[in-house]
N, C-alpha and C. Protein backbone atom coordinates (compact mmCIF):
# COMPACT_ATOMS: atom_id res chain seq x y z
N UNK A 1 99.64 150.88 72.79
CA UNK A 1 100.48 150.14 73.57
C UNK A 1 102.00 150.59 73.25
N UNK A 2 102.79 150.97 74.23
CA UNK A 2 104.13 151.34 73.92
C UNK A 2 104.94 150.18 73.20
N UNK A 3 105.91 150.55 72.39
CA UNK A 3 106.63 149.53 71.62
C UNK A 3 107.42 148.65 72.51
N UNK A 4 108.03 149.18 73.60
CA UNK A 4 108.91 148.36 74.36
C UNK A 4 108.18 147.43 75.37
N UNK A 5 106.91 147.62 75.51
CA UNK A 5 106.09 146.61 76.36
C UNK A 5 105.76 145.41 75.73
N UNK A 6 105.82 144.31 76.45
CA UNK A 6 105.39 142.93 76.03
C UNK A 6 104.11 142.55 76.44
N UNK A 7 103.29 142.08 75.50
CA UNK A 7 101.91 141.69 75.89
C UNK A 7 102.01 140.48 76.88
N UNK A 8 101.20 140.59 77.88
CA UNK A 8 101.16 139.62 78.96
C UNK A 8 99.65 139.21 79.15
N UNK A 9 99.43 138.00 79.73
CA UNK A 9 98.15 137.51 80.16
C UNK A 9 98.21 137.28 81.69
N UNK A 10 97.21 137.69 82.44
CA UNK A 10 97.03 137.38 83.80
C UNK A 10 95.72 136.89 84.13
N UNK A 11 95.64 135.98 85.03
CA UNK A 11 94.26 135.30 85.44
C UNK A 11 94.04 135.72 86.84
N UNK A 12 92.72 135.91 87.13
CA UNK A 12 92.37 136.31 88.48
C UNK A 12 90.83 136.46 88.70
N UNK A 13 90.47 136.71 89.85
CA UNK A 13 89.09 136.92 90.18
C UNK A 13 88.81 138.43 90.22
N UNK A 14 87.77 138.97 89.55
CA UNK A 14 87.49 140.29 89.49
C UNK A 14 87.03 140.78 90.89
N UNK A 15 87.66 141.94 91.28
CA UNK A 15 87.37 142.58 92.61
C UNK A 15 87.14 144.01 92.50
N UNK A 16 86.50 144.63 93.42
CA UNK A 16 86.24 146.08 93.48
C UNK A 16 87.38 146.58 94.36
N UNK A 17 88.19 147.51 93.76
CA UNK A 17 89.33 148.10 94.42
C UNK A 17 88.88 149.27 95.32
N UNK A 18 87.72 149.70 95.19
CA UNK A 18 87.26 151.01 95.83
C UNK A 18 86.79 150.55 97.29
N UNK A 19 87.22 151.43 98.24
CA UNK A 19 86.80 151.29 99.52
C UNK A 19 85.74 152.08 99.91
N UNK A 20 85.23 152.88 98.98
CA UNK A 20 84.14 153.85 99.25
C UNK A 20 82.85 153.51 98.61
N UNK A 21 82.78 152.77 97.56
CA UNK A 21 81.67 152.45 96.72
C UNK A 21 81.57 150.92 96.66
N UNK A 22 80.25 150.46 96.94
CA UNK A 22 80.00 149.05 96.74
C UNK A 22 79.89 148.64 95.40
N UNK A 23 79.52 149.48 94.51
CA UNK A 23 79.27 149.08 93.11
C UNK A 23 80.50 148.99 92.25
N UNK A 24 80.68 148.06 91.43
CA UNK A 24 81.86 147.95 90.51
C UNK A 24 81.72 148.98 89.37
N UNK A 25 82.81 149.82 89.31
CA UNK A 25 82.85 150.87 88.29
C UNK A 25 84.18 150.79 87.52
N UNK A 26 84.21 151.26 86.33
CA UNK A 26 85.39 151.12 85.44
C UNK A 26 86.66 151.56 86.08
N UNK A 27 86.70 152.45 86.97
CA UNK A 27 87.89 152.93 87.53
C UNK A 27 88.19 152.25 88.82
N UNK A 28 87.34 151.22 89.21
CA UNK A 28 87.72 150.54 90.50
C UNK A 28 87.70 149.01 90.34
N UNK A 29 87.99 148.54 89.02
CA UNK A 29 88.05 147.08 88.67
C UNK A 29 89.48 146.65 88.86
N UNK A 30 89.59 145.54 89.57
CA UNK A 30 90.97 144.90 89.71
C UNK A 30 90.83 143.38 89.65
N UNK A 31 91.95 142.78 89.72
CA UNK A 31 92.10 141.35 89.75
C UNK A 31 92.76 140.90 91.04
N UNK A 32 92.25 139.75 91.59
CA UNK A 32 92.89 139.21 92.79
C UNK A 32 93.37 137.74 92.46
N UNK A 33 94.58 137.50 92.85
CA UNK A 33 95.04 136.12 92.68
C UNK A 33 95.91 135.68 93.87
N UNK A 34 96.01 134.38 93.95
CA UNK A 34 96.87 133.87 95.08
C UNK A 34 98.11 133.26 94.46
N UNK A 35 99.27 133.68 95.00
CA UNK A 35 100.56 133.31 94.50
C UNK A 35 101.20 132.19 95.34
N UNK A 36 102.19 131.61 94.74
CA UNK A 36 102.95 130.53 95.46
C UNK A 36 101.96 129.31 95.74
N UNK A 37 102.53 128.18 96.00
CA UNK A 37 101.76 126.90 96.15
C UNK A 37 101.00 126.85 97.50
N UNK A 38 101.60 127.51 98.47
CA UNK A 38 101.16 127.49 99.87
C UNK A 38 100.00 128.60 100.09
N UNK A 39 99.89 129.50 99.06
CA UNK A 39 98.86 130.49 99.32
C UNK A 39 99.21 131.70 100.14
N UNK A 40 100.56 131.74 100.55
CA UNK A 40 101.02 132.77 101.52
C UNK A 40 100.91 134.13 100.95
N UNK A 41 101.15 134.29 99.69
CA UNK A 41 101.11 135.66 98.98
C UNK A 41 99.85 135.78 98.25
N UNK A 42 99.18 136.93 98.32
CA UNK A 42 98.10 137.34 97.58
C UNK A 42 98.49 138.57 96.69
N UNK A 43 97.79 138.64 95.52
CA UNK A 43 98.11 139.81 94.59
C UNK A 43 96.81 140.46 94.23
N UNK A 44 96.82 141.77 94.29
CA UNK A 44 95.66 142.64 93.87
C UNK A 44 96.29 143.57 92.87
N UNK A 45 95.67 143.58 91.62
CA UNK A 45 96.21 144.43 90.57
C UNK A 45 95.00 145.25 90.02
N UNK A 46 95.23 146.53 89.98
CA UNK A 46 94.20 147.49 89.38
C UNK A 46 94.19 147.42 87.88
N UNK A 47 93.10 147.36 87.23
CA UNK A 47 93.02 147.32 85.83
C UNK A 47 92.64 148.58 85.22
N UNK A 48 93.27 148.98 84.15
CA UNK A 48 92.85 150.17 83.32
C UNK A 48 92.14 149.55 82.05
N UNK A 49 90.90 149.74 81.88
CA UNK A 49 90.08 149.05 80.87
C UNK A 49 89.81 150.06 79.76
N UNK A 50 90.44 151.29 79.64
CA UNK A 50 90.22 152.30 78.78
C UNK A 50 90.46 151.75 77.21
N UNK A 51 91.44 150.90 77.09
CA UNK A 51 91.68 150.41 75.76
C UNK A 51 90.97 149.17 75.38
N UNK A 52 90.25 148.69 76.24
CA UNK A 52 89.39 147.52 75.95
C UNK A 52 88.09 148.00 75.30
N UNK A 53 87.83 147.46 74.04
CA UNK A 53 86.67 147.85 73.34
C UNK A 53 85.37 147.54 73.96
N UNK A 54 85.14 146.28 74.28
CA UNK A 54 83.95 145.81 74.94
C UNK A 54 84.32 144.88 76.16
N UNK A 55 83.54 144.96 77.20
CA UNK A 55 83.69 144.06 78.23
C UNK A 55 82.44 144.05 79.19
N UNK A 56 82.19 142.97 79.83
CA UNK A 56 81.09 142.87 80.81
C UNK A 56 81.64 142.03 81.91
N UNK A 57 81.79 142.55 83.11
CA UNK A 57 82.35 141.89 84.25
C UNK A 57 81.45 141.97 85.42
N UNK A 58 81.57 141.00 86.32
CA UNK A 58 80.90 141.13 87.60
C UNK A 58 81.89 140.63 88.73
N UNK A 59 81.69 141.16 89.85
CA UNK A 59 82.65 140.84 90.97
C UNK A 59 82.60 139.43 91.34
N UNK A 60 83.78 138.82 91.43
CA UNK A 60 83.95 137.41 91.66
C UNK A 60 84.15 136.55 90.51
N UNK A 61 83.95 137.03 89.31
CA UNK A 61 84.13 136.26 88.05
C UNK A 61 85.64 136.13 87.91
N UNK A 62 85.94 134.93 87.38
CA UNK A 62 87.40 134.56 86.99
C UNK A 62 87.53 134.83 85.45
N UNK A 63 88.56 135.66 85.14
CA UNK A 63 88.86 135.97 83.75
C UNK A 63 90.35 136.03 83.60
N UNK A 64 90.73 136.04 82.32
CA UNK A 64 92.09 136.23 81.83
C UNK A 64 92.20 137.61 81.14
N UNK A 65 92.97 138.55 81.73
CA UNK A 65 93.12 139.83 81.09
C UNK A 65 94.48 139.80 80.23
N UNK A 66 94.36 140.40 79.08
CA UNK A 66 95.61 140.45 78.15
C UNK A 66 95.94 141.90 77.98
N UNK A 67 97.15 142.26 78.24
CA UNK A 67 97.65 143.58 78.12
C UNK A 67 98.94 143.76 78.57
N UNK A 68 99.35 144.95 79.23
CA UNK A 68 100.72 145.27 79.65
C UNK A 68 100.65 146.11 80.93
N UNK A 69 101.76 146.06 81.71
CA UNK A 69 101.88 146.91 82.85
C UNK A 69 102.33 148.25 82.59
N UNK A 70 101.86 149.21 83.37
CA UNK A 70 102.41 150.51 83.15
C UNK A 70 103.19 151.03 84.41
N UNK A 71 103.67 152.17 84.38
CA UNK A 71 104.52 152.69 85.41
C UNK A 71 103.79 153.08 86.72
N UNK A 72 102.40 153.08 86.65
CA UNK A 72 101.56 153.43 87.72
C UNK A 72 100.91 152.30 88.40
N UNK A 73 101.55 151.14 88.34
CA UNK A 73 101.07 149.88 88.97
C UNK A 73 99.69 149.52 88.61
N UNK A 74 99.39 149.72 87.33
CA UNK A 74 98.13 149.31 86.70
C UNK A 74 98.39 148.34 85.60
N UNK A 75 97.37 147.51 85.23
CA UNK A 75 97.52 146.63 84.13
C UNK A 75 96.55 147.10 83.03
N UNK A 76 97.08 147.62 81.95
CA UNK A 76 96.36 148.16 80.89
C UNK A 76 95.85 146.98 79.98
N UNK A 77 94.61 146.81 80.02
CA UNK A 77 93.89 145.68 79.45
C UNK A 77 93.49 145.98 77.92
N UNK A 78 93.88 145.14 77.05
CA UNK A 78 93.44 145.19 75.60
C UNK A 78 92.32 144.27 75.33
N UNK A 79 92.24 143.15 76.03
CA UNK A 79 91.20 142.13 75.75
C UNK A 79 90.94 141.33 77.03
N UNK A 80 89.74 140.95 77.20
CA UNK A 80 89.27 140.12 78.36
C UNK A 80 88.88 138.67 77.71
N UNK A 81 89.47 137.66 78.41
CA UNK A 81 89.17 136.28 77.94
C UNK A 81 88.30 135.59 79.09
N UNK A 82 87.22 134.96 78.72
CA UNK A 82 86.37 134.31 79.76
C UNK A 82 86.24 132.81 79.38
N UNK A 83 86.22 131.94 80.36
CA UNK A 83 86.05 130.57 80.08
C UNK A 83 84.77 130.21 79.26
N UNK A 84 84.89 129.25 78.38
CA UNK A 84 83.76 128.84 77.55
C UNK A 84 82.98 127.75 78.32
N UNK A 85 81.66 128.03 78.49
CA UNK A 85 80.85 127.13 79.27
C UNK A 85 80.19 126.18 78.20
N UNK A 86 80.50 124.84 78.40
CA UNK A 86 79.97 123.98 77.40
C UNK A 86 78.59 123.47 77.86
N UNK A 87 77.73 123.15 76.81
CA UNK A 87 76.39 122.68 77.12
C UNK A 87 76.54 121.33 77.85
N UNK A 88 75.47 120.86 78.61
CA UNK A 88 75.55 119.49 79.19
C UNK A 88 75.77 118.37 78.15
N UNK A 89 76.43 117.41 78.59
CA UNK A 89 76.61 116.31 77.57
C UNK A 89 75.32 115.51 77.44
N UNK A 90 75.19 114.89 76.32
CA UNK A 90 73.91 114.12 76.07
C UNK A 90 73.57 113.11 77.20
N UNK A 91 74.72 112.49 77.72
CA UNK A 91 74.55 111.43 78.69
C UNK A 91 73.87 111.95 79.97
N UNK A 92 74.03 113.27 80.32
CA UNK A 92 73.45 113.77 81.47
C UNK A 92 71.87 113.88 81.18
N UNK A 93 71.39 114.28 79.96
CA UNK A 93 70.03 114.26 79.68
C UNK A 93 69.50 112.87 79.72
N UNK A 94 70.21 111.87 79.32
CA UNK A 94 69.77 110.53 79.32
C UNK A 94 69.47 110.06 80.81
N UNK A 95 70.40 110.52 81.61
CA UNK A 95 70.44 110.17 83.06
C UNK A 95 69.19 110.81 83.71
N UNK A 96 68.87 112.09 83.36
CA UNK A 96 67.61 112.67 83.90
C UNK A 96 66.42 111.90 83.36
N UNK A 97 66.36 111.53 82.06
CA UNK A 97 65.27 110.78 81.54
C UNK A 97 64.95 109.52 82.23
N UNK A 98 66.15 108.74 82.49
CA UNK A 98 65.99 107.48 83.21
C UNK A 98 65.51 107.66 84.72
N UNK A 99 65.92 108.80 85.28
CA UNK A 99 65.43 109.10 86.63
C UNK A 99 63.98 109.38 86.62
N UNK A 100 63.54 110.12 85.61
CA UNK A 100 62.11 110.48 85.46
C UNK A 100 61.36 109.22 85.26
N UNK A 101 61.82 108.28 84.48
CA UNK A 101 61.05 106.96 84.22
C UNK A 101 61.09 106.15 85.50
N UNK A 102 62.16 106.22 86.33
CA UNK A 102 62.22 105.52 87.61
C UNK A 102 61.15 106.09 88.55
N UNK A 103 60.80 107.32 88.35
CA UNK A 103 59.71 107.97 89.26
C UNK A 103 58.33 107.79 88.65
N UNK A 104 58.13 106.84 87.62
CA UNK A 104 56.92 106.59 87.02
C UNK A 104 56.35 107.81 86.43
N UNK A 105 57.21 108.57 85.60
CA UNK A 105 56.86 109.85 84.94
C UNK A 105 56.24 110.98 85.85
N UNK A 106 56.47 110.83 87.12
CA UNK A 106 56.04 111.91 87.94
C UNK A 106 57.03 113.09 87.76
N UNK A 107 56.70 114.33 88.08
CA UNK A 107 57.58 115.51 87.81
C UNK A 107 58.78 115.36 88.74
N UNK A 108 59.98 115.68 88.03
CA UNK A 108 61.21 115.58 88.78
C UNK A 108 61.79 117.05 88.97
N UNK A 109 61.90 117.43 90.23
CA UNK A 109 62.32 118.75 90.55
C UNK A 109 63.76 118.77 90.80
N UNK A 110 64.46 119.73 90.14
CA UNK A 110 65.91 119.86 90.32
C UNK A 110 66.17 121.37 90.63
N UNK A 111 66.94 121.63 91.65
CA UNK A 111 67.45 122.98 91.88
C UNK A 111 68.90 123.02 91.90
N UNK A 112 69.39 124.09 91.14
CA UNK A 112 70.87 124.33 91.12
C UNK A 112 71.16 125.74 91.43
N UNK A 113 72.34 125.94 92.11
CA UNK A 113 72.72 127.39 92.43
C UNK A 113 74.23 127.52 92.06
N UNK A 114 74.63 128.65 91.56
CA UNK A 114 76.01 128.90 91.27
C UNK A 114 76.37 130.24 91.80
N UNK A 115 77.64 130.22 92.39
CA UNK A 115 78.18 131.48 93.01
C UNK A 115 79.14 132.07 92.15
N UNK A 116 79.89 133.03 92.50
CA UNK A 116 79.95 133.58 93.91
C UNK A 116 78.84 134.56 94.13
N UNK A 117 78.50 134.70 95.34
CA UNK A 117 77.54 135.60 95.79
C UNK A 117 78.04 136.82 96.38
N UNK A 118 77.83 137.98 95.82
CA UNK A 118 78.51 139.16 96.31
C UNK A 118 77.44 140.28 96.48
N UNK A 119 77.83 141.38 97.01
CA UNK A 119 76.97 142.44 97.19
C UNK A 119 76.69 143.10 95.91
């Protein structure tokens, strides 16, 4: 990292910046974010992940990238931060147990889905 550059953190949704390839590749990873409170401005920033030791990203994922801007309108990433997903609280398990008891110990079926869904 150049000495005169200041480390920055940016948050956004991972996007594919390539118009030719559907698959996410290291040279076509970018971040998308909406600026201003009214959402009138949107920002797309291409990421340079060559300095990032390890990363695993998928399109649509929300991350925080730590690094610095370069003169070629890219953001040189040193580290990727992802939100920590906490396990369900014990009260949720107690709620499920009471629901099962209310069904007289018959099987309780639960289906959950999480997006984003991309190509």
